[in-house]
Amino acid sequence: MLDQLSTHHLVPLLALAPLLVAVALSDLRRLRIPNSYCLAAVALFAVAAAAGLAPDFALRIVVAASVLVLGFAAYCLKLFGGGDVKFMAVLLLFVPVNSLQLYAFVFSAAMLAGIAAFLSLKRLPAAAALNWQSMAPGRQLPMGVPIALSGLLHPLAVMQFSGAL
């Protein structure tokens, strides 16, 4: 299935990289993912879709809407923050439908890496000096970190498994 994926369909996700870094840092610092980041990503996706870089855009919208609905239920159960749910749905607009299985694997790996890095960072004496809300005692992993990491790593995984690397 990945062999049918043209690497130019990953260009929008690569263009999203600076925003993904901003999402991770914002969530680490303030435990918030601003709506402006979600809106900027949607605008970027609209440009990419108009340029023909997301030929499966209708299916991507269905996937993103499904994640938003399921994520809202998780938010109501206090399992996820609202910004996490919104940005995860927006990020999935950038993931080609035929690479969703690989994305699920990449997201799982990003969760594990995010947990390990976050717990390691919290143990450092300098972490308290950062004055980031996520470093406060009792705080858990800000989900923006693995969400952003999965978006950054997914193009590399697709290229690796499709033989483009």
N, C-alpha and C. Protein backbone atom coordinates (compact mmCIF):
# COMPACT_ATOMS: atom_id res chain seq x y z
N MET A 1 0.82 -1.18 0.00
CA MET A 1 0.00 0.00 0.00
C MET A 1 0.87 1.26 0.00
N LEU A 2 1.97 1.26 0.74
CA LEU A 2 2.83 2.43 0.78
C LEU A 2 3.54 2.65 -0.55
N ASP A 3 3.72 1.58 -1.34
CA ASP A 3 4.37 1.76 -2.62
C ASP A 3 3.53 2.60 -3.57
N GLN A 4 2.23 2.72 -3.30
CA GLN A 4 1.35 3.55 -4.12
C GLN A 4 1.38 5.02 -3.67
N LEU A 5 2.05 5.29 -2.57
CA LEU A 5 2.10 6.64 -2.02
C LEU A 5 3.25 7.41 -2.65
N SER A 6 2.93 8.50 -3.27
CA SER A 6 3.95 9.36 -3.84
C SER A 6 4.49 10.25 -2.72
N THR A 7 5.81 10.38 -2.66
CA THR A 7 6.39 11.16 -1.57
C THR A 7 6.00 12.64 -1.64
N HIS A 8 5.56 13.13 -2.81
CA HIS A 8 5.14 14.53 -2.85
C HIS A 8 3.85 14.75 -2.05
N HIS A 9 3.12 13.68 -1.73
CA HIS A 9 1.94 13.80 -0.88
C HIS A 9 2.33 14.08 0.57
N LEU A 10 3.62 13.93 0.88
CA LEU A 10 4.11 14.20 2.23
C LEU A 10 4.60 15.64 2.39
N VAL A 11 4.68 16.38 1.29
CA VAL A 11 5.18 17.76 1.34
C VAL A 11 4.39 18.61 2.32
N PRO A 12 3.05 18.55 2.33
CA PRO A 12 2.32 19.37 3.30
C PRO A 12 2.68 19.04 4.75
N LEU A 13 2.90 17.76 5.05
CA LEU A 13 3.27 17.38 6.41
C LEU A 13 4.66 17.91 6.75
N LEU A 14 5.56 17.90 5.78
CA LEU A 14 6.89 18.47 6.01
C LEU A 14 6.80 19.98 6.21
N ALA A 15 5.91 20.63 5.48
CA ALA A 15 5.72 22.08 5.63
C ALA A 15 5.13 22.42 7.00
N LEU A 16 4.45 21.47 7.59
CA LEU A 16 3.84 21.66 8.91
C LEU A 16 4.86 21.57 10.05
N ALA A 17 6.07 21.10 9.76
CA ALA A 17 7.08 20.82 10.79
C ALA A 17 7.31 21.98 11.77
N PRO A 18 7.50 23.23 11.32
CA PRO A 18 7.72 24.30 12.30
C PRO A 18 6.54 24.47 13.26
N LEU A 19 5.34 24.30 12.74
CA LEU A 19 4.15 24.42 13.59
C LEU A 19 4.09 23.26 14.58
N LEU A 20 4.51 22.07 14.16
CA LEU A 20 4.53 20.92 15.08
C LEU A 20 5.49 21.18 16.24
N VAL A 21 6.63 21.77 15.95
CA VAL A 21 7.58 22.11 17.02
C VAL A 21 6.96 23.14 17.96
N ALA A 22 6.28 24.12 17.39
CA ALA A 22 5.61 25.14 18.22
C ALA A 22 4.54 24.53 19.10
N VAL A 23 3.80 23.55 18.58
CA VAL A 23 2.76 22.86 19.36
C VAL A 23 3.39 22.15 20.55
N ALA A 24 4.46 21.41 20.30
CA ALA A 24 5.12 20.68 21.39
C ALA A 24 5.64 21.64 22.46
N LEU A 25 6.29 22.71 22.04
CA LEU A 25 6.83 23.66 23.01
C LEU A 25 5.72 24.37 23.79
N SER A 26 4.66 24.75 23.10
CA SER A 26 3.55 25.42 23.78
C SER A 26 2.92 24.50 24.83
N ASP A 27 2.75 23.24 24.47
CA ASP A 27 2.14 22.31 25.41
C ASP A 27 3.08 22.04 26.59
N LEU A 28 4.36 21.98 26.34
CA LEU A 28 5.32 21.80 27.44
C LEU A 28 5.33 23.02 28.37
N ARG A 29 5.33 24.20 27.78
CA ARG A 29 5.44 25.42 28.57
C ARG A 29 4.15 25.79 29.31
N ARG A 30 3.02 25.74 28.58
CA ARG A 30 1.78 26.27 29.14
C ARG A 30 0.65 25.25 29.24
N LEU A 31 0.90 24.01 28.83
CA LEU A 31 -0.14 22.97 28.80
C LEU A 31 -1.34 23.43 27.96
N ARG A 32 -1.04 24.13 26.88
CA ARG A 32 -2.08 24.62 25.98
C ARG A 32 -1.58 24.54 24.55
N ILE A 33 -2.51 24.20 23.66
CA ILE A 33 -2.25 24.27 22.22
C ILE A 33 -3.22 25.33 21.70
N PRO A 34 -2.70 26.50 21.35
CA PRO A 34 -3.59 27.59 20.93
C PRO A 34 -4.43 27.24 19.69
N ASN A 35 -5.63 27.74 19.67
CA ASN A 35 -6.50 27.55 18.51
C ASN A 35 -5.88 28.09 17.24
N SER A 36 -5.07 29.14 17.38
CA SER A 36 -4.43 29.73 16.19
C SER A 36 -3.52 28.72 15.50
N TYR A 37 -2.93 27.80 16.27
CA TYR A 37 -2.08 26.75 15.65
C TYR A 37 -2.95 25.80 14.83
N CYS A 38 -4.10 25.44 15.37
CA CYS A 38 -5.02 24.56 14.63
C CYS A 38 -5.51 25.24 13.36
N LEU A 39 -5.86 26.52 13.47
CA LEU A 39 -6.35 27.26 12.31
C LEU A 39 -5.27 27.43 11.25
N ALA A 40 -4.04 27.67 11.68
CA ALA A 40 -2.93 27.80 10.73
C ALA A 40 -2.70 26.48 9.99
N ALA A 41 -2.80 25.37 10.72
CA ALA A 41 -2.63 24.07 10.09
C ALA A 41 -3.76 23.78 9.09
N VAL A 42 -4.99 24.13 9.45
CA VAL A 42 -6.11 23.93 8.53
C VAL A 42 -5.91 24.77 7.27
N ALA A 43 -5.44 25.99 7.43
CA ALA A 43 -5.18 26.85 6.27
C ALA A 43 -4.10 26.24 5.38
N LEU A 44 -3.05 25.72 5.99
CA LEU A 44 -1.99 25.06 5.22
C LEU A 44 -2.53 23.85 4.47
N PHE A 45 -3.40 23.08 5.12
CA PHE A 45 -3.99 21.92 4.46
C PHE A 45 -4.86 22.36 3.29
N ALA A 46 -5.61 23.43 3.45
CA ALA A 46 -6.46 23.92 2.36
C ALA A 46 -5.62 24.30 1.15
N VAL A 47 -4.50 24.95 1.40
CA VAL A 47 -3.59 25.32 0.30
C VAL A 47 -3.03 24.06 -0.36
N ALA A 48 -2.62 23.09 0.45
CA ALA A 48 -2.06 21.85 -0.08
C ALA A 48 -3.10 21.08 -0.89
N ALA A 49 -4.32 21.02 -0.40
CA ALA A 49 -5.38 20.31 -1.12
C ALA A 49 -5.68 21.02 -2.44
N ALA A 50 -5.71 22.35 -2.41
CA ALA A 50 -5.96 23.10 -3.64
C ALA A 50 -4.84 22.91 -4.66
N ALA A 51 -3.63 22.67 -4.16
CA ALA A 51 -2.47 22.46 -5.04
C ALA A 51 -2.39 21.01 -5.52
N GLY A 52 -3.32 20.18 -5.09
CA GLY A 52 -3.33 18.78 -5.54
C GLY A 52 -2.41 17.86 -4.76
N LEU A 53 -1.95 18.33 -3.61
CA LEU A 53 -1.02 17.53 -2.80
C LEU A 53 -1.72 16.59 -1.82
N ALA A 54 -3.04 16.59 -1.85
CA ALA A 54 -3.83 15.70 -1.00
C ALA A 54 -4.98 15.14 -1.82
N PRO A 55 -4.66 14.25 -2.79
CA PRO A 55 -5.71 13.77 -3.69
C PRO A 55 -6.83 13.00 -2.98
N ASP A 56 -6.53 12.48 -1.80
CA ASP A 56 -7.53 11.75 -1.02
C ASP A 56 -8.14 12.64 0.07
N PHE A 57 -8.23 13.95 -0.21
CA PHE A 57 -8.63 14.90 0.83
C PHE A 57 -9.99 14.60 1.44
N ALA A 58 -10.93 14.09 0.66
CA ALA A 58 -12.26 13.80 1.22
C ALA A 58 -12.17 12.71 2.29
N LEU A 59 -11.39 11.69 2.02
CA LEU A 59 -11.20 10.63 3.02
C LEU A 59 -10.44 11.14 4.24
N ARG A 60 -9.49 12.01 4.00
CA ARG A 60 -8.74 12.59 5.14
C ARG A 60 -9.68 13.39 6.04
N ILE A 61 -10.62 14.10 5.44
CA ILE A 61 -11.58 14.88 6.22
C ILE A 61 -12.46 13.94 7.04
N VAL A 62 -12.86 12.81 6.46
CA VAL A 62 -13.67 11.83 7.20
C VAL A 62 -12.87 11.29 8.39
N VAL A 63 -11.60 10.96 8.16
CA VAL A 63 -10.75 10.45 9.25
C VAL A 63 -10.60 11.51 10.34
N ALA A 64 -10.30 12.73 9.94
CA ALA A 64 -10.11 13.81 10.92
C ALA A 64 -11.40 14.08 11.70
N ALA A 65 -12.52 14.07 11.02
CA ALA A 65 -13.81 14.29 11.70
C ALA A 65 -14.10 13.15 12.68
N SER A 66 -13.78 11.94 12.30
CA SER A 66 -13.98 10.79 13.19
C SER A 66 -13.13 10.92 14.44
N VAL A 67 -11.88 11.32 14.25
CA VAL A 67 -10.98 11.51 15.40
C VAL A 67 -11.50 12.64 16.28
N LEU A 68 -12.01 13.69 15.67
CA LEU A 68 -12.55 14.80 16.46
C LEU A 68 -13.74 14.36 17.30
N VAL A 69 -14.63 13.57 16.73
CA VAL A 69 -15.81 13.09 17.47
C VAL A 69 -15.38 12.15 18.60
N LEU A 70 -14.53 11.18 18.27
CA LEU A 70 -14.06 10.26 19.32
C LEU A 70 -13.22 10.99 20.37
N GLY A 71 -12.42 11.94 19.91
CA GLY A 71 -11.61 12.73 20.83
C GLY A 71 -12.46 13.58 21.75
N PHE A 72 -13.58 14.10 21.23
CA PHE A 72 -14.47 14.88 22.08
C PHE A 72 -15.03 14.02 23.20
N ALA A 73 -15.34 12.77 22.87
CA ALA A 73 -15.82 11.85 23.92
C ALA A 73 -14.72 11.64 24.96
N ALA A 74 -13.49 11.48 24.51
CA ALA A 74 -12.36 11.31 25.45
C ALA A 74 -12.15 12.58 26.28
N TYR A 75 -12.34 13.74 25.65
CA TYR A 75 -12.23 15.00 26.36
C TYR A 75 -13.31 15.09 27.45
N CYS A 76 -14.53 14.69 27.13
CA CYS A 76 -15.63 14.71 28.10
C CYS A 76 -15.34 13.80 29.29
N LEU A 77 -14.60 12.74 29.04
CA LEU A 77 -14.21 11.82 30.10
C LEU A 77 -12.92 12.26 30.80
N LYS A 78 -12.43 13.44 30.42
CA LYS A 78 -11.20 14.03 30.98
C LYS A 78 -9.96 13.17 30.72
N LEU A 79 -9.96 12.48 29.57
CA LEU A 79 -8.81 11.66 29.18
C LEU A 79 -7.81 12.47 28.36
N PHE A 80 -8.29 13.48 27.66
CA PHE A 80 -7.45 14.34 26.83
C PHE A 80 -7.88 15.77 26.98
N GLY A 81 -6.96 16.68 26.69
CA GLY A 81 -7.30 18.09 26.68
C GLY A 81 -7.95 18.46 25.35
N GLY A 82 -8.67 19.55 25.35
CA GLY A 82 -9.35 19.99 24.14
C GLY A 82 -8.40 20.33 23.01
N GLY A 83 -7.30 21.00 23.33
CA GLY A 83 -6.31 21.35 22.31
C GLY A 83 -5.66 20.12 21.71
N ASP A 84 -5.42 19.12 22.55
CA ASP A 84 -4.84 17.87 22.06
C ASP A 84 -5.76 17.21 21.04
N VAL A 85 -7.04 17.17 21.36
CA VAL A 85 -8.03 16.54 20.48
C VAL A 85 -8.11 17.30 19.16
N LYS A 86 -8.20 18.62 19.25
CA LYS A 86 -8.33 19.43 18.03
C LYS A 86 -7.09 19.29 17.14
N PHE A 87 -5.91 19.37 17.76
CA PHE A 87 -4.71 19.31 16.92
C PHE A 87 -4.48 17.92 16.36
N MET A 88 -4.83 16.88 17.10
CA MET A 88 -4.70 15.52 16.56
C MET A 88 -5.58 15.37 15.33
N ALA A 89 -6.80 15.87 15.40
CA ALA A 89 -7.70 15.78 14.24
C ALA A 89 -7.12 16.56 13.06
N VAL A 90 -6.61 17.75 13.33
CA VAL A 90 -6.03 18.56 12.26
C VAL A 90 -4.80 17.87 11.68
N LEU A 91 -3.97 17.31 12.53
CA LEU A 91 -2.76 16.62 12.04
C LEU A 91 -3.14 15.48 11.09
N LEU A 92 -4.20 14.79 11.39
CA LEU A 92 -4.59 13.66 10.54
C LEU A 92 -5.05 14.10 9.15
N LEU A 93 -5.36 15.38 8.97
CA LEU A 93 -5.63 15.89 7.62
C LEU A 93 -4.39 15.75 6.74
N PHE A 94 -3.22 15.76 7.35
CA PHE A 94 -1.96 15.74 6.62
C PHE A 94 -1.43 14.32 6.38
N VAL A 95 -2.09 13.34 6.95
CA VAL A 95 -1.62 11.96 6.83
C VAL A 95 -2.38 11.27 5.69
N PRO A 96 -1.66 10.86 4.63
CA PRO A 96 -2.35 10.15 3.54
C PRO A 96 -3.07 8.91 4.07
N VAL A 97 -4.27 8.69 3.58
CA VAL A 97 -5.11 7.61 4.09
C VAL A 97 -4.43 6.25 3.97
N ASN A 98 -3.69 6.05 2.88
CA ASN A 98 -3.05 4.74 2.71
C ASN A 98 -1.82 4.55 3.60
N SER A 99 -1.51 5.53 4.43
CA SER A 99 -0.41 5.35 5.38
C SER A 99 -0.90 5.45 6.83
N LEU A 100 -2.21 5.35 7.04
CA LEU A 100 -2.75 5.47 8.40
C LEU A 100 -2.28 4.35 9.33
N GLN A 101 -2.15 3.14 8.81
CA GLN A 101 -1.67 2.05 9.66
C GLN A 101 -0.26 2.33 10.15
N LEU A 102 0.58 2.80 9.25
CA LEU A 102 1.94 3.15 9.65
C LEU A 102 1.92 4.31 10.64
N TYR A 103 1.03 5.29 10.40
CA TYR A 103 0.93 6.41 11.34
C TYR A 103 0.57 5.93 12.74
N ALA A 104 -0.33 4.97 12.84
CA ALA A 104 -0.71 4.44 14.16
C ALA A 104 0.51 3.87 14.87
N PHE A 105 1.35 3.18 14.13
CA PHE A 105 2.59 2.64 14.72
C PHE A 105 3.52 3.78 15.14
N VAL A 106 3.68 4.76 14.26
CA VAL A 106 4.56 5.90 14.55
C VAL A 106 4.03 6.66 15.77
N PHE A 107 2.72 6.84 15.85
CA PHE A 107 2.15 7.54 17.01
C PHE A 107 2.41 6.76 18.31
N SER A 108 2.27 5.45 18.25
CA SER A 108 2.55 4.61 19.43
C SER A 108 4.00 4.76 19.86
N ALA A 109 4.90 4.72 18.90
CA ALA A 109 6.33 4.89 19.20
C ALA A 109 6.60 6.29 19.77
N ALA A 110 5.93 7.29 19.20
CA ALA A 110 6.10 8.67 19.69
C ALA A 110 5.59 8.81 21.12
N MET A 111 4.51 8.10 21.44
CA MET A 111 4.00 8.10 22.82
C MET A 111 5.06 7.56 23.77
N LEU A 112 5.63 6.41 23.42
CA LEU A 112 6.66 5.81 24.28
C LEU A 112 7.88 6.71 24.40
N ALA A 113 8.33 7.26 23.28
CA ALA A 113 9.49 8.15 23.30
C ALA A 113 9.17 9.42 24.08
N GLY A 114 7.97 9.94 23.91
CA GLY A 114 7.56 11.15 24.64
C GLY A 114 7.52 10.93 26.14
N ILE A 115 6.99 9.78 26.55
CA ILE A 115 6.94 9.45 27.98
C ILE A 115 8.34 9.35 28.54
N ALA A 116 9.21 8.62 27.84
CA ALA A 116 10.59 8.44 28.32
C ALA A 116 11.32 9.78 28.41
N ALA A 117 11.20 10.60 27.37
CA ALA A 117 11.89 11.89 27.37
C ALA A 117 11.32 12.83 28.44
N PHE A 118 10.01 12.84 28.58
CA PHE A 118 9.37 13.72 29.56
C PHE A 118 9.77 13.33 30.98
N LEU A 119 9.71 12.05 31.29
CA LEU A 119 10.09 11.60 32.64
C LEU A 119 11.56 11.85 32.91
N SER A 120 12.39 11.68 31.90
CA SER A 120 13.83 11.95 32.06
C SER A 120 14.07 13.43 32.30
N LEU A 121 13.39 14.27 31.54
CA LEU A 121 13.55 15.72 31.69
C LEU A 121 13.08 16.17 33.07
N LYS A 122 11.97 15.63 33.54
CA LYS A 122 11.44 16.03 34.86
C LYS A 122 12.41 15.70 35.99
N ARG A 123 13.24 14.67 35.80
CA ARG A 123 14.18 14.27 36.84
C ARG A 123 15.40 15.16 36.91
N LEU A 124 15.65 15.94 35.89
CA LEU A 124 16.81 16.82 35.88
C LEU A 124 16.59 18.00 36.82
N PRO A 125 17.60 18.35 37.60
CA PRO A 125 17.45 19.50 38.51
C PRO A 125 17.12 20.80 37.76
N ALA A 126 17.62 20.93 36.55
CA ALA A 126 17.39 22.15 35.79
C ALA A 126 15.95 22.26 35.29
N ALA A 127 15.18 21.19 35.36
CA ALA A 127 13.80 21.22 34.86
C ALA A 127 12.95 22.23 35.62
N ALA A 128 13.16 22.34 36.90
CA ALA A 128 12.39 23.29 37.70
C ALA A 128 12.70 24.73 37.29
N ALA A 129 13.93 24.96 36.86
CA ALA A 129 14.33 26.31 36.44
C ALA A 129 13.66 26.72 35.14
N LEU A 130 13.17 25.77 34.38
CA LEU A 130 12.51 26.09 33.12
C LEU A 130 11.20 26.84 33.35
N ASN A 131 10.60 26.62 34.50
CA ASN A 131 9.33 27.25 34.85
C ASN A 131 8.22 26.91 33.85
N TRP A 132 8.27 25.69 33.33
CA TRP A 132 7.22 25.20 32.43
C TRP A 132 6.16 24.54 33.28
N GLN A 133 4.90 24.76 32.94
CA GLN A 133 3.81 24.18 33.73
C GLN A 133 3.85 22.66 33.72
N SER A 134 4.32 22.07 32.64
CA SER A 134 4.35 20.61 32.56
C SER A 134 5.38 20.01 33.51
N MET A 135 6.32 20.82 33.98
CA MET A 135 7.35 20.31 34.88
C MET A 135 6.93 20.38 36.35
N ALA A 136 5.78 20.94 36.61
CA ALA A 136 5.29 21.03 37.99
C ALA A 136 5.04 19.62 38.53
N PRO A 137 5.23 19.44 39.83
CA PRO A 137 4.99 18.12 40.42
C PRO A 137 3.56 17.63 40.14
N GLY A 138 3.45 16.36 39.83
CA GLY A 138 2.15 15.75 39.60
C GLY A 138 1.60 15.91 38.19
N ARG A 139 2.28 16.68 37.37
CA ARG A 139 1.81 16.86 35.99
C ARG A 139 2.20 15.66 35.15
N GLN A 140 1.32 15.32 34.22
CA GLN A 140 1.58 14.20 33.34
C GLN A 140 2.05 14.70 31.97
N LEU A 141 2.40 13.76 31.12
CA LEU A 141 2.90 14.09 29.79
C LEU A 141 1.91 14.97 29.03
N PRO A 142 2.35 16.14 28.55
CA PRO A 142 1.50 16.93 27.67
C PRO A 142 1.40 16.21 26.31
N MET A 143 0.20 15.87 25.90
CA MET A 143 0.00 15.07 24.70
C MET A 143 0.45 15.77 23.42
N GLY A 144 0.60 17.08 23.47
CA GLY A 144 1.08 17.79 22.29
C GLY A 144 2.46 17.32 21.86
N VAL A 145 3.24 16.82 22.81
CA VAL A 145 4.60 16.36 22.49
C VAL A 145 4.56 15.11 21.59
N PRO A 146 3.89 14.03 21.99
CA PRO A 146 3.86 12.87 21.09
C PRO A 146 3.05 13.11 19.81
N ILE A 147 2.04 13.97 19.88
CA ILE A 147 1.28 14.30 18.68
C ILE A 147 2.22 14.97 17.66
N ALA A 148 2.95 15.96 18.13
CA ALA A 148 3.89 16.66 17.24
C ALA A 148 5.00 15.73 16.77
N LEU A 149 5.53 14.94 17.67
CA LEU A 149 6.61 14.02 17.31
C LEU A 149 6.14 13.03 16.25
N SER A 150 4.93 12.55 16.37
CA SER A 150 4.42 11.60 15.36
C SER A 150 4.30 12.27 14.00
N GLY A 151 3.90 13.54 13.99
CA GLY A 151 3.82 14.27 12.73
C GLY A 151 5.18 14.51 12.10
N LEU A 152 6.18 14.71 12.95
CA LEU A 152 7.54 14.92 12.45
C LEU A 152 8.16 13.63 11.93
N LEU A 153 7.86 12.52 12.58
CA LEU A 153 8.48 11.24 12.23
C LEU A 153 7.75 10.49 11.11
N HIS A 154 6.48 10.76 10.93
CA HIS A 154 5.71 10.00 9.95
C HIS A 154 6.28 10.07 8.52
N PRO A 155 6.65 11.24 8.02
CA PRO A 155 7.21 11.25 6.66
C PRO A 155 8.47 10.39 6.54
N LEU A 156 9.29 10.38 7.57
CA LEU A 156 10.50 9.55 7.54
C LEU A 156 10.15 8.07 7.51
N ALA A 157 9.15 7.70 8.30
CA ALA A 157 8.73 6.29 8.32
C ALA A 157 8.15 5.88 6.98
N VAL A 158 7.35 6.74 6.37
CA VAL A 158 6.76 6.42 5.07
C VAL A 158 7.86 6.24 4.03
N MET A 159 8.82 7.18 4.02
CA MET A 159 9.89 7.08 3.05
C MET A 159 10.75 5.84 3.28
N GLN A 160 10.98 5.51 4.54
CA GLN A 160 11.77 4.32 4.85
C GLN A 160 11.06 3.05 4.38
N PHE A 161 9.78 2.92 4.72
CA PHE A 161 9.05 1.68 4.40
C PHE A 161 8.60 1.61 2.94
N SER A 162 8.61 2.74 2.24
CA SER A 162 8.25 2.70 0.82
C SER A 162 9.49 2.57 -0.06
N GLY A 163 10.65 2.60 0.56
CA GLY A 163 11.90 2.47 -0.20
C GLY A 163 12.41 3.77 -0.76
N ALA A 164 11.84 4.90 -0.37
CA ALA A 164 12.28 6.19 -0.87
C ALA A 164 13.55 6.69 -0.18
N LEU A 165 13.89 6.09 0.96
CA LEU A 165 15.14 6.48 1.66
C LEU A 165 16.24 5.51 1.34
